[in-house]
Amino acid sequence: MNKHLKIVLVVAVALTMVLSACGPSATEAPAEEKTKVAVLFPGVVTDQSWNQFGYEGLVRAQEECGVEIGYSEDVSQDEQIEVLRNYAAEGYDIIIGHGGEYEDSIGTVAQEYPDLRFGVADGEPKADNVSATTLSFRQMGYLAGILACETTETDHVAYVVGELLLCTDQGLEGFELGLETCGREIEVTYIATGDWADVAKAREAGLALIDDGVDVLYHMLDTADAGLISAAEDRGVWAIGLYRDSSSLGPDAVLGSTLGSPGVMIYELACGRGVPLEIVVVDVNTPGGVDMHMTDLTPEDVQQKVNEALEKMRSGELHVEP
């Protein structure tokens, strides 16, 4: 039995039927078929991070765009093509991979099913019937970089990710640009733990970085962020969260969080708004897109500098490539 339980959620519609002695009325119209959308997630949809936000975007598409939805959790690299083909064979109209790690498999299966639509979040479209959306990790990284450069005392910060992907590289580019704004030379260490969800690995990486002189930790992780932030909390250094306000993970460590819900990407693709062979970017000017939250641990003058940069990005006065 396939370990991935395909979960299908269907909005129940109450049908009032006019019955006669012979059965339903002859004039009764058949129910309109819904567009069927399936999403593959690399982790579990209760991780309070990447996968959960993506799932929430899928449910939002169900509610607002009237689609029928299904999903598979914790789909590993070697299982992607099989799960994608299964959804295609079962008649799903739009099939989406939640992460850049799906782009190759989706490109392969999309060519086998040219009449279906496929999507990838945070990846590149590799077939004529594939659309893509991405968060502007450059813009998120830029805002985090300003915050980090204004608060580091050792002039050594770190960016910790699960795997080295295009989106993590883009986040690093933005982070480094933000670090340039305080007029000092800041060293940044960029490492991958090899796992988006392993809390212990992220904590070990954080502790090693702190021992090496790092005093601000930024990241692109899923549930593993709890381990990284706990290392900062325990050692008395700073951390910057991602996707949501992460201050509950480290009340004495989290300066702020770069906000940007992966759910917006899935919502757009699930509602059929993606454009084949194009990448739609969710950025500072997208409703529910890139934003910044700061805690009381961040001095007011630093908050002001970060917020001014954000407003200049939104007005176009400051351009940070999405």
C-alpha atoms as a PDB file:
ATOM      1  CA  MET A   1       0.000   0.000   0.000  1.00  0.00           C
ATOM      2  CA  ASN A   2       1.305   3.428  -0.914  1.00  0.00           C
ATOM      3  CA  LYS A   3       2.298   5.181   2.296  1.00  0.00           C
ATOM      4  CA  HIS A   4       0.972   8.489   0.983  1.00  0.00           C
ATOM      5  CA  LEU A   5      -2.686   8.744   1.822  1.00  0.00           C
ATOM      6  CA  LYS A   6      -4.381  10.784  -0.885  1.00  0.00           C
ATOM      7  CA  ILE A   7      -6.834  12.940   0.940  1.00  0.00           C
ATOM      8  CA  VAL A   8      -9.713  14.348  -1.060  1.00  0.00           C
ATOM      9  CA  LEU A   9     -11.818  17.120   0.382  1.00  0.00           C
ATOM     10  CA  VAL A  10     -15.083  17.891  -1.341  1.00  0.00           C
ATOM     11  CA  VAL A  11     -17.412  20.699  -0.440  1.00  0.00           C
ATOM     12  CA  ALA A  12     -20.762  19.056   0.184  1.00  0.00           C
ATOM     13  CA  VAL A  13     -23.579  20.643  -1.749  1.00  0.00           C
ATOM     14  CA  ALA A  14     -27.120  19.930  -0.599  1.00  0.00           C
ATOM     15  CA  LEU A  15     -29.291  19.100  -3.596  1.00  0.00           C
ATOM     16  CA  THR A  16     -33.019  19.548  -3.245  1.00  0.00           C
ATOM     17  CA  MET A  17     -34.625  16.911  -5.471  1.00  0.00           C
ATOM     18  CA  VAL A  18     -38.208  17.013  -6.686  1.00  0.00           C
ATOM     19  CA  LEU A  19     -39.418  13.463  -6.443  1.00  0.00           C
ATOM     20  CA  SER A  20     -42.376  11.840  -8.123  1.00  0.00           C
ATOM     21  CA  ALA A  21     -43.584   8.300  -8.060  1.00  0.00           C
ATOM     22  CA  CYS A  22     -41.269   7.596 -10.996  1.00  0.00           C
ATOM     23  CA  GLY A  23     -38.135   9.232  -9.461  1.00  0.00           C
ATOM     24  CA  PRO A  24     -36.325  12.578 -10.066  1.00  0.00           C
ATOM     25  CA  SER A  25     -37.891  15.263 -12.201  1.00  0.00           C
ATOM     26  CA  ALA A  26     -36.971  14.988 -15.857  1.00  0.00           C
ATOM     27  CA  THR A  27     -36.021  18.674 -15.901  1.00  0.00           C
ATOM     28  CA  GLU A  28     -33.395  18.377 -13.162  1.00  0.00           C
ATOM     29  CA  ALA A  29     -29.986  19.618 -14.445  1.00  0.00           C
ATOM     30  CA  PRO A  30     -26.875  17.527 -13.742  1.00  0.00           C
ATOM     31  CA  ALA A  31     -24.468  18.927 -11.145  1.00  0.00           C
ATOM     32  CA  GLU A  32     -21.634  20.967 -12.642  1.00  0.00           C
ATOM     33  CA  GLU A  33     -18.286  19.172 -12.481  1.00  0.00           C
ATOM     34  CA  LYS A  34     -15.664  20.857 -10.362  1.00  0.00           C
ATOM     35  CA  THR A  35     -12.065  21.413 -11.383  1.00  0.00           C
ATOM     36  CA  LYS A  36      -9.989  18.842  -9.513  1.00  0.00           C
ATOM     37  CA  VAL A  37      -6.713  20.099  -8.025  1.00  0.00           C
ATOM     38  CA  ALA A  38      -4.023  18.001  -6.321  1.00  0.00           C
ATOM     39  CA  VAL A  39      -0.924  19.201  -4.479  1.00  0.00           C
ATOM     40  CA  LEU A  40       2.173  17.243  -3.496  1.00  0.00           C
ATOM     41  CA  PHE A  41       3.832  18.427  -0.279  1.00  0.00           C
ATOM     42  CA  PRO A  42       7.427  17.561   0.718  1.00  0.00           C
ATOM     43  CA  GLY A  43       6.481  17.515   4.406  1.00  0.00           C
ATOM     44  CA  VAL A  44       3.424  17.324   6.633  1.00  0.00           C
ATOM     45  CA  VAL A  45       0.680  19.929   6.452  1.00  0.00           C
ATOM     46  CA  THR A  46       0.740  20.494  10.217  1.00  0.00           C
ATOM     47  CA  ASP A  47       4.325  21.820  10.310  1.00  0.00           C
ATOM     48  CA  GLN A  48       3.224  25.427  11.016  1.00  0.00           C
ATOM     49  CA  SER A  49       5.518  26.482   8.191  1.00  0.00           C
ATOM     50  CA  TRP A  50       6.059  25.889   4.447  1.00  0.00           C
ATOM     51  CA  ASN A  51       3.742  22.909   4.046  1.00  0.00           C
ATOM     52  CA  GLN A  52       0.966  24.083   6.345  1.00  0.00           C
ATOM     53  CA  PHE A  53       0.818  27.499   4.684  1.00  0.00           C
ATOM     54  CA  GLY A  54       0.670  25.827   1.282  1.00  0.00           C
ATOM     55  CA  TYR A  55      -2.158  23.596   2.472  1.00  0.00           C
ATOM     56  CA  GLU A  56      -4.047  26.607   3.803  1.00  0.00           C
ATOM     57  CA  GLY A  57      -3.735  28.186   0.355  1.00  0.00           C
ATOM     58  CA  LEU A  58      -5.187  25.017  -1.164  1.00  0.00           C
ATOM     59  CA  VAL A  59      -8.150  25.070   1.222  1.00  0.00           C
ATOM     60  CA  ARG A  60      -8.675  28.745   0.440  1.00  0.00           C
ATOM     61  CA  ALA A  61      -8.826  27.857  -3.276  1.00  0.00           C
ATOM     62  CA  GLN A  62     -11.432  25.227  -2.452  1.00  0.00           C
ATOM     63  CA  GLU A  63     -13.559  27.781  -0.626  1.00  0.00           C
ATOM     64  CA  GLU A  64     -13.138  30.767  -2.946  1.00  0.00           C
ATOM     65  CA  CYS A  65     -12.582  29.190  -6.377  1.00  0.00           C
ATOM     66  CA  GLY A  66     -14.880  26.201  -5.959  1.00  0.00           C
ATOM     67  CA  VAL A  67     -12.342  23.516  -6.787  1.00  0.00           C
ATOM     68  CA  GLU A  68     -12.263  19.948  -5.518  1.00  0.00           C
ATOM     69  CA  ILE A  69      -8.959  19.271  -3.798  1.00  0.00           C
ATOM     70  CA  GLY A  70      -6.646  16.403  -2.956  1.00  0.00           C
ATOM     71  CA  TYR A  71      -3.125  16.221  -1.589  1.00  0.00           C
ATOM     72  CA  SER A  72      -0.275  13.935  -0.610  1.00  0.00           C
ATOM     73  CA  GLU A  73       2.086  14.655   2.284  1.00  0.00           C
ATOM     74  CA  ASP A  74       5.754  13.887   2.817  1.00  0.00           C
ATOM     75  CA  VAL A  75       6.431  12.962  -0.822  1.00  0.00           C
ATOM     76  CA  SER A  76      10.131  12.191  -1.177  1.00  0.00           C
ATOM     77  CA  GLN A  77      12.243  12.820  -4.284  1.00  0.00           C
ATOM     78  CA  ASP A  78      12.141   9.192  -5.485  1.00  0.00           C
ATOM     79  CA  GLU A  79       8.342   8.995  -5.142  1.00  0.00           C
ATOM     80  CA  GLN A  80       7.409  12.186  -6.970  1.00  0.00           C
ATOM     81  CA  ILE A  81       6.858  10.809 -10.476  1.00  0.00           C
ATOM     82  CA  GLU A  82       4.720   7.902  -9.272  1.00  0.00           C
ATOM     83  CA  VAL A  83       2.462  10.158  -7.181  1.00  0.00           C
ATOM     84  CA  LEU A  84       2.166  12.709 -10.024  1.00  0.00           C
ATOM     85  CA  ARG A  85       1.214   9.992 -12.528  1.00  0.00           C
ATOM     86  CA  ASN A  86      -1.364   8.570 -10.139  1.00  0.00           C
ATOM     87  CA  TYR A  87      -3.122  11.915  -9.827  1.00  0.00           C
ATOM     88  CA  ALA A  88      -3.039  12.376 -13.611  1.00  0.00           C
ATOM     89  CA  ALA A  89      -4.529   8.915 -14.164  1.00  0.00           C
ATOM     90  CA  GLU A  90      -7.259   9.653 -11.614  1.00  0.00           C
ATOM     91  CA  GLY A  91      -8.500  12.620 -13.619  1.00  0.00           C
ATOM     92  CA  TYR A  92      -7.140  15.612 -11.744  1.00  0.00           C
ATOM     93  CA  ASP A  93      -7.156  18.753 -13.882  1.00  0.00           C
ATOM     94  CA  ILE A  94      -4.383  20.718 -12.122  1.00  0.00           C
ATOM     95  CA  ILE A  95      -1.471  19.011 -10.355  1.00  0.00           C
ATOM     96  CA  ILE A  96       0.989  21.065  -8.303  1.00  0.00           C
ATOM     97  CA  GLY A  97       4.303  20.437  -6.565  1.00  0.00           C
ATOM     98  CA  HIS A  98       4.937  22.586  -3.493  1.00  0.00           C
ATOM     99  CA  GLY A  99       8.627  23.335  -3.850  1.00  0.00           C
ATOM    100  CA  GLY A 100      11.414  23.743  -6.383  1.00  0.00           C
ATOM    101  CA  GLU A 101      12.469  20.134  -5.782  1.00  0.00           C
ATOM    102  CA  TYR A 102       9.425  19.080  -7.871  1.00  0.00           C
ATOM    103  CA  GLU A 103      10.232  21.012 -11.055  1.00  0.00           C
ATOM    104  CA  ASP A 104      12.060  18.187 -12.881  1.00  0.00           C
ATOM    105  CA  SER A 105       9.472  15.510 -12.048  1.00  0.00           C
ATOM    106  CA  ILE A 106       6.598  17.813 -12.969  1.00  0.00           C
ATOM    107  CA  GLY A 107       8.323  18.678 -16.252  1.00  0.00           C
ATOM    108  CA  THR A 108       8.576  14.963 -17.068  1.00  0.00           C
ATOM    109  CA  VAL A 109       4.988  14.012 -16.194  1.00  0.00           C
ATOM    110  CA  ALA A 110       3.527  17.174 -17.757  1.00  0.00           C
ATOM    111  CA  GLN A 111       4.907  16.120 -21.139  1.00  0.00           C
ATOM    112  CA  GLU A 112       3.190  12.734 -20.736  1.00  0.00           C
ATOM    113  CA  TYR A 113      -0.172  14.467 -20.086  1.00  0.00           C
ATOM    114  CA  PRO A 114      -0.237  17.528 -22.393  1.00  0.00           C
ATOM    115  CA  ASP A 115      -3.978  18.114 -21.854  1.00  0.00           C
ATOM    116  CA  LEU A 116      -3.611  18.623 -18.104  1.00  0.00           C
ATOM    117  CA  ARG A 117      -2.287  21.653 -16.256  1.00  0.00           C
ATOM    118  CA  PHE A 118       0.617  21.463 -13.853  1.00  0.00           C
ATOM    119  CA  GLY A 119       2.164  23.947 -11.448  1.00  0.00           C
ATOM    120  CA  VAL A 120       5.243  24.314  -9.299  1.00  0.00           C
ATOM    121  CA  ALA A 121       5.695  26.641  -6.325  1.00  0.00           C
ATOM    122  CA  ASP A 122       9.179  28.127  -6.082  1.00  0.00           C
ATOM    123  CA  GLY A 123      10.458  26.404  -9.185  1.00  0.00           C
ATOM    124  CA  GLU A 124      10.792  26.860 -12.929  1.00  0.00           C
ATOM    125  CA  PRO A 125       8.261  25.621 -15.515  1.00  0.00           C
ATOM    126  CA  LYS A 126       9.838  22.967 -17.728  1.00  0.00           C
ATOM    127  CA  ALA A 127       6.989  22.101 -20.083  1.00  0.00           C
ATOM    128  CA  ASP A 128       4.404  24.013 -22.125  1.00  0.00           C
ATOM    129  CA  ASN A 129       1.584  23.125 -19.713  1.00  0.00           C
ATOM    130  CA  VAL A 130       3.418  24.061 -16.507  1.00  0.00           C
ATOM    131  CA  SER A 131       2.940  27.324 -14.587  1.00  0.00           C
ATOM    132  CA  ALA A 132       5.032  28.546 -11.669  1.00  0.00           C
ATOM    133  CA  THR A 133       4.779  30.943  -8.757  1.00  0.00           C
ATOM    134  CA  THR A 134       7.511  32.041  -6.400  1.00  0.00           C
ATOM    135  CA  LEU A 135       7.952  34.107  -3.267  1.00  0.00           C
ATOM    136  CA  SER A 136      10.460  36.914  -3.549  1.00  0.00           C
ATOM    137  CA  PHE A 137      13.073  35.472  -1.244  1.00  0.00           C
ATOM    138  CA  ARG A 138      15.436  38.213  -2.426  1.00  0.00           C
ATOM    139  CA  GLN A 139      13.156  40.882  -1.001  1.00  0.00           C
ATOM    140  CA  MET A 140      12.610  38.899   2.189  1.00  0.00           C
ATOM    141  CA  GLY A 141      16.361  38.375   2.501  1.00  0.00           C
ATOM    142  CA  TYR A 142      17.024  42.063   1.917  1.00  0.00           C
ATOM    143  CA  LEU A 143      14.801  43.115   4.819  1.00  0.00           C
ATOM    144  CA  ALA A 144      16.368  40.462   7.052  1.00  0.00           C
ATOM    145  CA  GLY A 145      19.818  41.673   6.006  1.00  0.00           C
ATOM    146  CA  ILE A 146      19.083  45.232   7.113  1.00  0.00           C
ATOM    147  CA  LEU A 147      17.870  43.946  10.477  1.00  0.00           C
ATOM    148  CA  ALA A 148      20.905  41.680  10.874  1.00  0.00           C
ATOM    149  CA  CYS A 149      23.503  44.310   9.974  1.00  0.00           C
ATOM    150  CA  GLU A 150      21.977  46.818  12.404  1.00  0.00           C
ATOM    151  CA  THR A 151      22.040  44.370  15.317  1.00  0.00           C
ATOM    152  CA  THR A 152      25.147  42.205  14.923  1.00  0.00           C
ATOM    153  CA  GLU A 153      27.984  43.012  17.294  1.00  0.00           C
ATOM    154  CA  THR A 154      30.435  40.407  15.997  1.00  0.00           C
ATOM    155  CA  ASP A 155      29.931  41.353  12.312  1.00  0.00           C
ATOM    156  CA  HIS A 156      29.374  37.650  11.614  1.00  0.00           C
ATOM    157  CA  VAL A 157      25.892  36.375  10.728  1.00  0.00           C
ATOM    158  CA  ALA A 158      24.523  33.170   9.197  1.00  0.00           C
ATOM    159  CA  TYR A 159      21.879  32.011   6.745  1.00  0.00           C
ATOM    160  CA  VAL A 160      20.805  28.397   7.367  1.00  0.00           C
ATOM    161  CA  VAL A 161      18.704  26.442   4.837  1.00  0.00           C
ATOM    162  CA  GLY A 162      17.445  22.896   4.375  1.00  0.00           C
ATOM    163  CA  GLU A 163      18.898  22.321   0.901  1.00  0.00           C
ATOM    164  CA  LEU A 164      20.791  24.430  -1.595  1.00  0.00           C
ATOM    165  CA  LEU A 165      18.189  25.443  -4.197  1.00  0.00           C
ATOM    166  CA  LEU A 166      17.583  28.376  -6.522  1.00  0.00           C
ATOM    167  CA  CYS A 167      15.234  29.978  -4.000  1.00  0.00           C
ATOM    168  CA  THR A 168      17.764  29.685  -1.161  1.00  0.00           C
ATOM    169  CA  ASP A 169      20.433  31.250  -3.373  1.00  0.00           C
ATOM    170  CA  GLN A 170      18.047  34.113  -4.141  1.00  0.00           C
ATOM    171  CA  GLY A 171      17.424  34.574  -0.433  1.00  0.00           C
ATOM    172  CA  LEU A 172      21.168  34.777   0.130  1.00  0.00           C
ATOM    173  CA  GLU A 173      21.539  37.414  -2.604  1.00  0.00           C
ATOM    174  CA  GLY A 174      18.942  39.614  -0.914  1.00  0.00           C
ATOM    175  CA  PHE A 175      20.404  38.987   2.533  1.00  0.00           C
ATOM    176  CA  GLU A 176      23.864  40.053   1.382  1.00  0.00           C
ATOM    177  CA  LEU A 177      22.445  43.213  -0.221  1.00  0.00           C
ATOM    178  CA  GLY A 178      20.706  44.095   3.029  1.00  0.00           C
ATOM    179  CA  LEU A 179      23.916  43.526   4.964  1.00  0.00           C
ATOM    180  CA  GLU A 180      25.613  46.201   2.847  1.00  0.00           C
ATOM    181  CA  THR A 181      23.264  48.946   4.062  1.00  0.00           C
ATOM    182  CA  CYS A 182      24.941  49.550   7.425  1.00  0.00           C
ATOM    183  CA  GLY A 183      28.298  50.513   5.904  1.00  0.00           C
ATOM    184  CA  ARG A 184      30.352  47.756   7.553  1.00  0.00           C
ATOM    185  CA  GLU A 185      31.831  44.572   6.180  1.00  0.00           C
ATOM    186  CA  ILE A 186      29.686  41.765   7.544  1.00  0.00           C
ATOM    187  CA  GLU A 187      30.708  38.125   7.159  1.00  0.00           C
ATOM    188  CA  VAL A 188      27.863  35.759   6.287  1.00  0.00           C
ATOM    189  CA  THR A 189      28.037  31.971   6.551  1.00  0.00           C
ATOM    190  CA  TYR A 190      25.642  30.093   4.241  1.00  0.00           C
ATOM    191  CA  ILE A 191      25.025  26.434   5.095  1.00  0.00           C
ATOM    192  CA  ALA A 192      22.495  23.664   4.395  1.00  0.00           C
ATOM    193  CA  THR A 193      21.588  21.141   7.082  1.00  0.00           C
ATOM    194  CA  GLY A 194      20.312  18.609   4.543  1.00  0.00           C
ATOM    195  CA  ASP A 195      16.825  18.475   6.049  1.00  0.00           C
ATOM    196  CA  TRP A 196      14.003  21.055   6.178  1.00  0.00           C
ATOM    197  CA  ALA A 197      12.276  19.487   9.176  1.00  0.00           C
ATOM    198  CA  ASP A 198      15.011  17.983  11.385  1.00  0.00           C
ATOM    199  CA  VAL A 199      14.960  20.120  14.528  1.00  0.00           C
ATOM    200  CA  ALA A 200      18.033  18.441  16.045  1.00  0.00           C
ATOM    201  CA  LYS A 201      20.176  19.039  12.944  1.00  0.00           C
ATOM    202  CA  ALA A 202      19.190  22.694  12.804  1.00  0.00           C
ATOM    203  CA  ARG A 203      19.954  23.159  16.501  1.00  0.00           C
ATOM    204  CA  GLU A 204      23.376  21.518  16.109  1.00  0.00           C
ATOM    205  CA  ALA A 205      24.117  23.759  13.129  1.00  0.00           C
ATOM    206  CA  GLY A 206      23.047  26.822  15.099  1.00  0.00           C
ATOM    207  CA  LEU A 207      25.211  25.943  18.093  1.00  0.00           C
ATOM    208  CA  ALA A 208      28.247  25.339  15.858  1.00  0.00           C
ATOM    209  CA  LEU A 209      27.731  28.690  14.127  1.00  0.00           C
ATOM    210  CA  ILE A 210      27.416  30.501  17.444  1.00  0.00           C
ATOM    211  CA  ASP A 211      30.629  28.849  18.635  1.00  0.00           C
ATOM    212  CA  ASP A 212      32.235  30.245  15.468  1.00  0.00           C
ATOM    213  CA  GLY A 213      31.237  33.798  16.380  1.00  0.00           C
ATOM    214  CA  VAL A 214      27.844  34.193  14.675  1.00  0.00           C
ATOM    215  CA  ASP A 215      25.426  36.369  16.659  1.00  0.00           C
ATOM    216  CA  VAL A 216      22.473  36.666  14.231  1.00  0.00           C
ATOM    217  CA  LEU A 217      20.837  33.594  12.662  1.00  0.00           C
ATOM    218  CA  TYR A 218      18.491  33.833   9.648  1.00  0.00           C
ATOM    219  CA  HIS A 219      17.064  30.829   7.849  1.00  0.00           C
ATOM    220  CA  MET A 220      14.958  29.122   5.222  1.00  0.00           C
ATOM    221  CA  LEU A 221      13.699  26.035   7.057  1.00  0.00           C
ATOM    222  CA  ASP A 222      10.374  24.390   7.802  1.00  0.00           C
ATOM    223  CA  THR A 223       9.752  22.877  11.264  1.00  0.00           C
ATOM    224  CA  ALA A 224      13.537  22.747  11.762  1.00  0.00           C
ATOM    225  CA  ASP A 225      13.416  26.484  12.531  1.00  0.00           C
ATOM    226  CA  ALA A 226      12.478  25.557  16.114  1.00  0.00           C
ATOM    227  CA  GLY A 227      15.901  23.970  16.589  1.00  0.00           C
ATOM    228  CA  LEU A 228      17.814  26.883  15.110  1.00  0.00           C
ATOM    229  CA  ILE A 229      15.932  29.480  17.127  1.00  0.00           C
ATOM    230  CA  SER A 230      16.256  27.461  20.342  1.00  0.00           C
ATOM    231  CA  ALA A 231      20.036  27.527  19.855  1.00  0.00           C
ATOM    232  CA  ALA A 232      19.903  31.317  19.618  1.00  0.00           C
ATOM    233  CA  GLU A 233      17.640  31.528  22.664  1.00  0.00           C
ATOM    234  CA  ASP A 234      19.885  29.305  24.773  1.00  0.00           C
ATOM    235  CA  ARG A 235      23.121  31.040  23.792  1.00  0.00           C
ATOM    236  CA  GLY A 236      21.868  34.616  24.036  1.00  0.00           C
ATOM    237  CA  VAL A 237      22.197  35.617  20.376  1.00  0.00           C
ATOM    238  CA  TRP A 238      19.646  36.926  17.869  1.00  0.00           C
ATOM    239  CA  ALA A 239      17.435  35.109  15.371  1.00  0.00           C
ATOM    240  CA  ILE A 240      15.233  36.248  12.482  1.00  0.00           C
ATOM    241  CA  GLY A 241      12.199  34.135  11.619  1.00  0.00           C
ATOM    242  CA  LEU A 242      10.572  33.326   8.283  1.00  0.00           C
ATOM    243  CA  TYR A 243       7.016  33.086   6.856  1.00  0.00           C
ATOM    244  CA  ARG A 244       5.274  33.992  10.143  1.00  0.00           C
ATOM    245  CA  ASP A 245       5.882  35.730  13.452  1.00  0.00           C
ATOM    246  CA  SER A 246       8.296  33.224  15.007  1.00  0.00           C
ATOM    247  CA  SER A 247       8.763  34.994  18.334  1.00  0.00           C
ATOM    248  CA  SER A 248       6.997  32.220  20.270  1.00  0.00           C
ATOM    249  CA  LEU A 249       9.920  29.912  19.374  1.00  0.00           C
ATOM    250  CA  GLY A 250      12.396  32.244  21.036  1.00  0.00           C
ATOM    251  CA  PRO A 251      10.869  35.121  23.013  1.00  0.00           C
ATOM    252  CA  ASP A 252      14.294  36.430  24.037  1.00  0.00           C
ATOM    253  CA  ALA A 253      15.987  35.820  20.684  1.00  0.00           C
ATOM    254  CA  VAL A 254      13.678  36.650  17.766  1.00  0.00           C
ATOM    255  CA  LEU A 255      14.189  40.226  16.572  1.00  0.00           C
ATOM    256  CA  GLY A 256      11.554  39.860  13.885  1.00  0.00           C
ATOM    257  CA  SER A 257      10.395  37.726  10.991  1.00  0.00           C
ATOM    258  CA  THR A 258      10.240  38.157   7.246  1.00  0.00           C
ATOM    259  CA  LEU A 259       6.656  37.399   6.262  1.00  0.00           C
ATOM    260  CA  GLY A 260       5.485  35.836   3.037  1.00  0.00           C
ATOM    261  CA  SER A 261       2.942  33.048   2.918  1.00  0.00           C
ATOM    262  CA  PRO A 262       3.605  30.088   0.612  1.00  0.00           C
ATOM    263  CA  GLY A 263      -0.175  29.722   0.652  1.00  0.00           C
ATOM    264  CA  VAL A 264      -0.537  32.609  -1.794  1.00  0.00           C
ATOM    265  CA  MET A 265       1.493  30.676  -4.386  1.00  0.00           C
ATOM    266  CA  ILE A 266      -0.623  27.536  -4.073  1.00  0.00           C
ATOM    267  CA  TYR A 267      -3.847  29.559  -4.072  1.00  0.00           C
ATOM    268  CA  GLU A 268      -2.958  31.258  -7.365  1.00  0.00           C
ATOM    269  CA  LEU A 269      -2.019  27.982  -9.060  1.00  0.00           C
ATOM    270  CA  ALA A 270      -4.982  26.033  -7.682  1.00  0.00           C
ATOM    271  CA  CYS A 271      -7.410  28.683  -8.912  1.00  0.00           C
ATOM    272  CA  GLY A 272      -5.938  28.308 -12.405  1.00  0.00           C
ATOM    273  CA  ARG A 273      -4.396  31.772 -12.514  1.00  0.00           C
ATOM    274  CA  GLY A 274      -0.905  30.655 -13.439  1.00  0.00           C
ATOM    275  CA  VAL A 275       0.388  31.392 -16.934  1.00  0.00           C
ATOM    276  CA  PRO A 276       2.057  28.447 -18.728  1.00  0.00           C
ATOM    277  CA  LEU A 277       5.849  28.791 -18.986  1.00  0.00           C
ATOM    278  CA  GLU A 278       5.810  31.930 -16.819  1.00  0.00           C
ATOM    279  CA  ILE A 279       6.765  32.557 -13.189  1.00  0.00           C
ATOM    280  CA  VAL A 280       4.368  34.743 -11.197  1.00  0.00           C
ATOM    281  CA  VAL A 281       6.224  36.434  -8.331  1.00  0.00           C
ATOM    282  CA  VAL A 282       4.637  37.092  -4.932  1.00  0.00           C
ATOM    283  CA  ASP A 283       6.423  40.226  -3.693  1.00  0.00           C
ATOM    284  CA  VAL A 284       6.039  43.336  -1.488  1.00  0.00           C
ATOM    285  CA  ASN A 285       3.146  44.603  -3.624  1.00  0.00           C
ATOM    286  CA  THR A 286       1.150  41.361  -3.666  1.00  0.00           C
ATOM    287  CA  PRO A 287      -1.773  41.212  -1.199  1.00  0.00           C
ATOM    288  CA  GLY A 288      -0.655  38.820   1.515  1.00  0.00           C
ATOM    289  CA  GLY A 289       2.844  38.847   0.022  1.00  0.00           C
ATOM    290  CA  VAL A 290       6.230  39.914   1.382  1.00  0.00           C
ATOM    291  CA  ASP A 291       6.148  41.921   4.622  1.00  0.00           C
ATOM    292  CA  MET A 292       8.114  42.367   7.841  1.00  0.00           C
ATOM    293  CA  HIS A 293       7.225  41.897  11.497  1.00  0.00           C
ATOM    294  CA  MET A 294       9.525  43.090  14.286  1.00  0.00           C
ATOM    295  CA  THR A 295       9.359  42.479  18.019  1.00  0.00           C
ATOM    296  CA  ASP A 296      10.080  44.771  20.947  1.00  0.00           C
ATOM    297  CA  LEU A 297      13.616  43.328  21.031  1.00  0.00           C
ATOM    298  CA  THR A 298      14.420  45.457  17.978  1.00  0.00           C
ATOM    299  CA  PRO A 299      15.325  49.073  18.833  1.00  0.00           C
ATOM    300  CA  GLU A 300      12.905  51.686  17.479  1.00  0.00           C
ATOM    301  CA  ASP A 301      15.516  53.337  15.231  1.00  0.00           C
ATOM    302  CA  VAL A 302      16.294  49.967  13.628  1.00  0.00           C
ATOM    303  CA  GLN A 303      12.589  49.232  13.147  1.00  0.00           C
ATOM    304  CA  GLN A 304      12.246  52.602  11.470  1.00  0.00           C
ATOM    305  CA  LYS A 305      15.098  51.877   9.068  1.00  0.00           C
ATOM    306  CA  VAL A 306      13.649  48.511   8.064  1.00  0.00           C
ATOM    307  CA  ASN A 307      10.138  49.936   7.642  1.00  0.00           C
ATOM    308  CA  GLU A 308      11.432  52.840   5.543  1.00  0.00           C
ATOM    309  CA  ALA A 309      13.179  50.386   3.227  1.00  0.00           C
ATOM    310  CA  LEU A 310       9.965  48.354   2.937  1.00  0.00           C
ATOM    311  CA  GLU A 311       7.905  51.423   2.030  1.00  0.00           C
ATOM    312  CA  LYS A 312      10.486  52.521  -0.556  1.00  0.00           C
ATOM    313  CA  MET A 313      10.345  49.049  -2.111  1.00  0.00           C
ATOM    314  CA  ARG A 314       6.566  49.251  -2.330  1.00  0.00           C
ATOM    315  CA  SER A 315       6.611  52.728  -3.889  1.00  0.00           C
ATOM    316  CA  GLY A 316       9.297  51.814  -6.405  1.00  0.00           C
ATOM    317  CA  GLU A 317      11.825  54.284  -5.000  1.00  0.00           C
ATOM    318  CA  LEU A 318      14.007  51.336  -3.982  1.00  0.00           C
ATOM    319  CA  HIS A 319      14.261  48.392  -6.380  1.00  0.00           C
ATOM    320  CA  VAL A 320      15.172  44.975  -5.049  1.00  0.00           C
ATOM    321  CA  GLU A 321      14.746  42.389  -7.792  1.00  0.00           C
ATOM    322  CA  PRO A 322      11.977  39.941  -6.922  1.00  0.00           C
END
